[in-house]
Amino acid sequence: MKMRLLPALGGLAIGPMSRVLSVALLTSISNAASLQSSATSEDPLDLEVITLDPQGIPAKTVYYSYDQLLTLPAVTVKTERDPNTSTPATYTGIYLSDLFEAFDADASFDVIAAKCSDGRKQYYDRDYVARHRPILLLKFDDKPPADWPNAEHGSWLGPYCVVHESFSPAETIHGYIEQPRIAFAVASLELTRFTQSLGRFRPKERGNDPEVVKGEKIAVGSCISCHKLGNAGGILGGSSWQVLAERAVNSKDYFRKYVTNPHSMNVMSGMPPHPTFDDNTFNALEAYFKAMMPTE
């Protein structure tokens, strides 16, 4: 594969506390149309790509080899701090925006979901992808996935990981601040539509209540990677979206204490705390979850 090194760019960051030292874009003579999928996995590094039908049900599953993914146009970003390991790192990978074309997805597919081995699922809609430019990581410090380090909590980052070359929160709502949608231990991607993924978490009758709209954005940004609604969302959290709604509306004190500091309510909880969530934040969440509950 022949590659051409383009001029370096500066001033990009992986996260709010990170500063990029240099950026280099690599372009390949290969193009997205040259990718050839396989119906079966032949190597642990094969990336599974699942296409969902309009009901959100898997309709087609194919696999792409790691070597094939390396032929796609790549971006390389050197940063002082990787948020997974808290160490300096160099990322090489593919913009998620380029994967829609690489996987030959038609225009109706506007969301890519990254499925993590621990049950989390992160959604990347086209708006988020355009704002924050997430990257499917192929090399960490110029090393293939087998040689990647573990995250601070001990889990391996591979076989794939989604990182950001820069992230500046686009939204602050009461005590909620938008966070980067980081996914590690990713072995599978889903090609889906907004209506069958993020749109599932939108109340059917949200009306013009601004607090319901705010609560939806807070809940989607904070909860759906670990909690599911039907076949959308993650499964790590155990509790379904309906259970969260019941707790938010009917057990407000418990819900607020648990979300603010989960470990104080359950020492085995792996849920991250949300200490910045204030009364206004919870009021918006409760208004949203009330709108999500079934009506008699």
Protein backbone atom coordinates (compact mmCIF):
# COMPACT_ATOMS: atom_id res chain seq x y z
CA MET A 1 0.00 0.00 0.00
CA LYS A 2 1.38 3.40 -0.96
CA MET A 3 0.75 6.33 1.35
CA ARG A 4 1.40 10.03 1.17
CA LEU A 5 2.10 12.07 4.29
CA LEU A 6 0.21 15.34 4.38
CA PRO A 7 1.29 18.44 6.34
CA ALA A 8 0.86 18.30 10.08
CA LEU A 9 -2.00 20.12 11.77
CA GLY A 10 -1.95 21.42 15.32
CA GLY A 11 -4.23 22.54 18.10
CA LEU A 12 -6.39 19.42 18.43
CA ALA A 13 -7.04 17.54 21.66
CA ILE A 14 -8.33 14.13 22.71
CA GLY A 15 -10.29 15.51 25.65
CA PRO A 16 -10.74 18.64 27.74
CA MET A 17 -7.44 18.06 29.57
CA SER A 18 -5.43 16.88 26.58
CA ARG A 19 -3.30 18.78 24.07
CA VAL A 20 -2.35 17.34 20.74
CA LEU A 21 1.30 17.68 19.84
CA SER A 22 0.98 16.89 16.17
CA VAL A 23 -1.45 15.52 13.63
CA ALA A 24 -0.67 13.85 10.32
CA LEU A 25 -3.18 12.66 7.77
CA LEU A 26 -2.37 9.60 5.70
CA THR A 27 -4.08 9.01 2.39
CA SER A 28 -4.10 5.68 0.63
CA ILE A 29 -4.39 4.81 -3.03
CA SER A 30 -7.00 2.26 -1.93
CA ASN A 31 -10.61 3.34 -1.66
CA ALA A 32 -13.67 2.23 0.27
CA ALA A 33 -15.06 0.23 -2.65
CA SER A 34 -12.05 -2.12 -2.54
CA LEU A 35 -13.09 -3.62 0.82
CA GLN A 36 -14.21 -7.21 0.49
CA SER A 37 -16.35 -8.62 3.30
CA SER A 38 -16.50 -12.21 4.45
CA ALA A 39 -19.56 -14.09 5.68
CA THR A 40 -17.54 -15.73 8.47
CA SER A 41 -14.87 -14.64 10.90
CA GLU A 42 -11.47 -16.14 10.25
CA ASP A 43 -9.35 -14.21 12.75
CA PRO A 44 -9.93 -12.73 16.25
CA LEU A 45 -9.15 -9.28 14.81
CA ASP A 46 -11.87 -9.49 12.15
CA LEU A 47 -14.31 -6.64 12.70
CA GLU A 48 -17.93 -7.76 12.76
CA VAL A 49 -20.33 -5.35 11.02
CA ILE A 50 -24.04 -5.92 11.56
CA THR A 51 -26.63 -4.19 9.40
CA LEU A 52 -29.98 -3.73 11.15
CA ASP A 53 -33.32 -3.73 9.36
CA PRO A 54 -35.94 -0.94 9.79
CA GLN A 55 -37.18 -2.68 12.95
CA GLY A 56 -33.71 -2.69 14.48
CA ILE A 57 -33.24 -6.44 14.01
CA PRO A 58 -29.97 -7.83 12.56
CA ALA A 59 -30.49 -8.43 8.85
CA LYS A 60 -26.92 -9.03 7.66
CA THR A 61 -23.59 -9.78 9.35
CA VAL A 62 -20.23 -9.55 7.60
CA TYR A 63 -16.59 -9.36 8.67
CA TYR A 64 -13.64 -7.22 7.58
CA SER A 65 -10.06 -8.18 8.28
CA TYR A 66 -7.71 -5.91 10.17
CA ASP A 67 -5.38 -5.79 7.16
CA GLN A 68 -8.24 -4.60 4.95
CA LEU A 69 -9.12 -1.82 7.38
CA LEU A 70 -5.50 -0.67 7.24
CA THR A 71 -5.96 0.11 3.54
CA LEU A 72 -8.53 2.82 4.28
CA PRO A 73 -7.52 6.51 4.59
CA ALA A 74 -6.22 6.99 8.12
CA VAL A 75 -5.58 9.82 10.54
CA THR A 76 -2.73 9.85 13.05
CA VAL A 77 -2.94 11.94 16.22
CA LYS A 78 -0.27 12.30 18.89
CA THR A 79 -1.52 13.36 22.30
CA GLU A 80 -0.04 13.94 25.73
CA ARG A 81 -2.75 11.96 27.52
CA ASP A 82 -4.87 9.03 26.48
CA PRO A 83 -8.05 9.05 28.63
CA ASN A 84 -8.10 5.26 28.88
CA THR A 85 -4.55 4.81 30.18
CA SER A 86 -3.68 8.35 31.35
CA THR A 87 -0.42 8.11 29.40
CA PRO A 88 0.91 9.84 26.26
CA ALA A 89 -0.20 8.04 23.12
CA THR A 90 -0.30 8.13 19.35
CA TYR A 91 -3.54 7.06 17.69
CA THR A 92 -3.90 5.85 14.12
CA GLY A 93 -7.35 5.05 12.84
CA ILE A 94 -10.30 5.78 10.57
CA TYR A 95 -12.84 8.54 10.97
CA LEU A 96 -16.24 7.00 11.67
CA SER A 97 -17.65 9.34 9.04
CA ASP A 98 -15.63 7.44 6.43
CA LEU A 99 -16.95 4.07 7.58
CA PHE A 100 -20.46 4.74 6.28
CA GLU A 101 -18.99 4.81 2.76
CA ALA A 102 -16.42 2.09 3.44
CA PHE A 103 -19.19 -0.31 4.45
CA ASP A 104 -21.29 0.75 1.46
CA ALA A 105 -24.16 1.97 3.66
CA ASP A 106 -26.95 3.80 1.87
CA ALA A 107 -28.13 7.23 3.01
CA SER A 108 -30.85 5.82 5.25
CA PHE A 109 -28.20 4.54 7.67
CA ASP A 110 -27.27 7.52 9.83
CA VAL A 111 -25.97 5.88 13.02
CA ILE A 112 -23.04 3.59 13.80
CA ALA A 113 -23.16 1.74 17.11
CA ALA A 114 -20.04 0.32 18.77
CA LYS A 115 -20.77 -2.83 20.78
CA CYS A 116 -18.34 -3.44 23.64
CA SER A 117 -17.51 -6.85 25.12
CA ASP A 118 -18.77 -5.80 28.57
CA GLY A 119 -22.28 -5.04 27.27
CA ARG A 120 -21.95 -1.30 26.71
CA LYS A 121 -23.06 0.21 23.42
CA GLN A 122 -22.14 3.67 22.17
CA TYR A 123 -24.08 5.38 19.41
CA TYR A 124 -22.52 7.74 16.88
CA ASP A 125 -25.12 9.61 14.83
CA ARG A 126 -24.05 11.79 11.93
CA ASP A 127 -24.46 15.02 13.92
CA TYR A 128 -22.17 13.75 16.68
CA VAL A 129 -19.69 12.41 14.11
CA ALA A 130 -19.58 15.77 12.32
CA ARG A 131 -19.06 17.72 15.57
CA HIS A 132 -16.56 15.51 17.35
CA ARG A 133 -14.85 13.43 14.62
CA PRO A 134 -14.57 10.09 16.48
CA ILE A 135 -12.00 7.60 15.20
CA LEU A 136 -12.01 3.80 15.01
CA LEU A 137 -8.59 3.03 16.46
CA LEU A 138 -6.33 0.68 14.50
CA LYS A 139 -2.94 1.39 16.06
CA PHE A 140 -1.97 2.57 19.53
CA ASP A 141 1.58 3.98 19.60
CA ASP A 142 1.99 2.45 16.12
CA LYS A 143 1.28 -1.02 17.55
CA PRO A 144 -1.44 -3.45 16.42
CA PRO A 145 -4.25 -4.38 18.83
CA ALA A 146 -2.46 -7.45 20.23
CA ASP A 147 0.18 -5.13 21.68
CA TRP A 148 -2.13 -2.48 23.06
CA PRO A 149 -1.96 -1.67 26.79
CA ASN A 150 -4.73 -2.27 29.27
CA ALA A 151 -6.93 0.55 30.48
CA GLU A 152 -6.41 1.87 34.00
CA HIS A 153 -9.08 -0.48 35.36
CA GLY A 154 -7.28 -3.47 33.85
CA SER A 155 -9.32 -4.26 30.72
CA TRP A 156 -7.69 -4.65 27.32
CA LEU A 157 -8.54 -1.80 24.95
CA GLY A 158 -8.82 -4.05 21.90
CA PRO A 159 -9.58 -5.51 19.54
CA TYR A 160 -10.93 -2.09 18.53
CA CYS A 161 -11.55 1.19 20.29
CA VAL A 162 -13.28 4.48 19.48
CA VAL A 163 -11.38 7.64 20.45
CA HIS A 164 -11.50 11.34 19.61
CA GLU A 165 -8.87 13.55 18.09
CA SER A 166 -10.53 16.47 19.85
CA PHE A 167 -13.51 16.96 22.12
CA SER A 168 -15.17 20.13 23.28
CA PRO A 169 -18.59 19.72 24.93
CA ALA A 170 -21.26 21.04 22.59
CA GLU A 171 -23.94 21.14 25.23
CA THR A 172 -24.32 22.00 28.90
CA ILE A 173 -27.76 21.53 30.48
CA HIS A 174 -28.09 22.46 34.14
CA GLY A 175 -25.50 20.22 35.86
CA TYR A 176 -24.97 17.99 32.83
CA ILE A 177 -21.98 18.51 30.53
CA GLU A 178 -21.72 16.50 27.32
CA GLN A 179 -19.05 13.80 27.55
CA PRO A 180 -17.11 12.03 24.77
CA ARG A 181 -18.62 8.71 23.69
CA ILE A 182 -15.57 6.53 24.25
CA ALA A 183 -15.83 2.81 23.50
CA PHE A 184 -13.13 0.21 24.16
CA ALA A 185 -13.04 -3.57 23.76
CA VAL A 186 -15.11 -3.14 20.60
CA ALA A 187 -15.46 -6.25 18.43
CA SER A 188 -18.63 -5.33 16.57
CA LEU A 189 -20.20 -2.33 14.86
CA GLU A 190 -23.86 -1.90 13.93
CA LEU A 191 -25.15 0.07 10.97
CA THR A 192 -28.55 1.40 11.95
CA ARG A 193 -30.95 4.30 11.70
CA PHE A 194 -31.77 7.06 14.18
CA THR A 195 -35.38 5.89 14.49
CA GLN A 196 -34.27 2.42 15.56
CA SER A 197 -31.49 3.52 17.90
CA LEU A 198 -31.35 6.95 19.52
CA GLY A 199 -34.88 7.72 18.37
CA ARG A 200 -36.22 4.86 20.50
CA PHE A 201 -35.46 6.97 23.55
CA ARG A 202 -37.63 9.88 22.41
CA PRO A 203 -41.07 10.18 24.10
CA LYS A 204 -43.97 9.71 21.71
CA GLU A 205 -45.77 12.66 23.29
CA ARG A 206 -43.10 15.02 24.52
CA GLY A 207 -45.04 18.09 23.38
CA ASN A 208 -43.43 21.48 23.85
CA ASP A 209 -42.23 20.94 27.42
CA PRO A 210 -38.64 22.24 27.38
CA GLU A 211 -37.75 20.24 30.50
CA VAL A 212 -38.72 16.99 28.78
CA VAL A 213 -36.48 17.91 25.84
CA LYS A 214 -33.63 18.75 28.21
CA GLY A 215 -34.16 15.56 30.19
CA GLU A 216 -34.04 13.49 27.01
CA LYS A 217 -30.66 14.95 26.07
CA ILE A 218 -29.30 14.34 29.58
CA ALA A 219 -30.58 10.76 29.70
CA VAL A 220 -29.36 9.90 26.21
CA GLY A 221 -25.95 11.39 26.96
CA SER A 222 -25.61 9.70 30.34
CA CYS A 223 -27.53 6.44 30.37
CA ILE A 224 -28.13 4.65 27.07
CA SER A 225 -24.67 3.12 26.73
CA CYS A 226 -25.50 0.84 29.67
CA HIS A 227 -29.33 0.65 29.83
CA LYS A 228 -31.58 -0.70 27.09
CA LEU A 229 -35.00 -0.01 25.69
CA GLY A 230 -36.15 -2.92 23.57
CA ASN A 231 -33.17 -3.86 21.41
CA ALA A 232 -31.62 -0.37 21.61
CA GLY A 233 -29.04 0.67 24.19
CA GLY A 234 -26.50 -1.27 26.23
CA ILE A 235 -27.00 -4.08 28.70
CA LEU A 236 -24.16 -3.53 31.19
CA GLY A 237 -26.36 -1.66 33.67
CA GLY A 238 -28.87 -4.47 34.02
CA SER A 239 -31.85 -2.23 34.72
CA SER A 240 -34.03 -1.53 31.70
CA TRP A 241 -35.19 1.93 30.60
CA GLN A 242 -38.62 1.16 32.03
CA VAL A 243 -37.07 0.41 35.44
CA LEU A 244 -35.12 3.66 35.33
CA ALA A 245 -38.33 5.54 34.54
CA GLU A 246 -40.17 3.92 37.45
CA ARG A 247 -37.38 4.83 39.86
CA ALA A 248 -37.01 8.37 38.57
CA VAL A 249 -40.74 9.09 38.88
CA ASN A 250 -41.82 6.97 41.86
CA SER A 251 -38.63 6.71 43.96
CA LYS A 252 -37.12 10.14 43.44
CA ASP A 253 -34.90 10.27 46.53
CA TYR A 254 -33.42 6.85 45.82
CA PHE A 255 -32.93 7.70 42.14
CA ARG A 256 -31.20 10.98 42.89
CA LYS A 257 -28.89 9.50 45.52
CA TYR A 258 -27.98 6.54 43.32
CA VAL A 259 -27.22 8.63 40.24
CA THR A 260 -25.20 11.15 42.24
CA ASN A 261 -23.11 8.54 44.08
CA PRO A 262 -23.89 4.92 43.10
CA HIS A 263 -21.17 3.44 45.31
CA SER A 264 -22.80 4.90 48.43
CA MET A 265 -25.98 2.96 47.63
CA ASN A 266 -24.35 -0.21 46.33
CA VAL A 267 -20.68 -0.94 46.97
CA MET A 268 -20.64 -3.34 44.01
CA SER A 269 -21.94 -0.75 41.55
CA GLY A 270 -19.73 -0.01 38.57
CA MET A 271 -21.85 2.94 37.47
CA PRO A 272 -19.94 6.25 37.25
CA PRO A 273 -21.08 8.97 39.67
CA HIS A 274 -22.68 12.21 38.51
CA PRO A 275 -21.84 14.65 41.32
CA THR A 276 -22.59 17.74 39.18
CA PHE A 277 -26.25 16.82 38.71
CA ASP A 278 -28.27 19.39 40.67
CA ASP A 279 -32.00 19.74 41.41
CA ASN A 280 -32.68 21.29 38.00
CA THR A 281 -30.89 18.40 36.28
CA PHE A 282 -32.96 15.83 38.14
CA ASN A 283 -36.17 17.77 37.58
CA ALA A 284 -35.51 17.57 33.84
CA LEU A 285 -34.69 13.87 34.04
CA GLU A 286 -37.86 13.16 36.02
CA ALA A 287 -39.98 15.11 33.52
CA TYR A 288 -38.44 13.10 30.68
CA PHE A 289 -38.84 9.70 32.33
CA LYS A 290 -42.44 10.53 33.23
CA ALA A 291 -43.09 11.23 29.55
CA MET A 292 -41.50 7.86 28.70
CA MET A 293 -43.79 5.88 31.02
CA PRO A 294 -46.83 4.17 29.47
CA THR A 295 -50.13 6.01 29.96
CA GLU A 296 -53.18 4.29 31.35
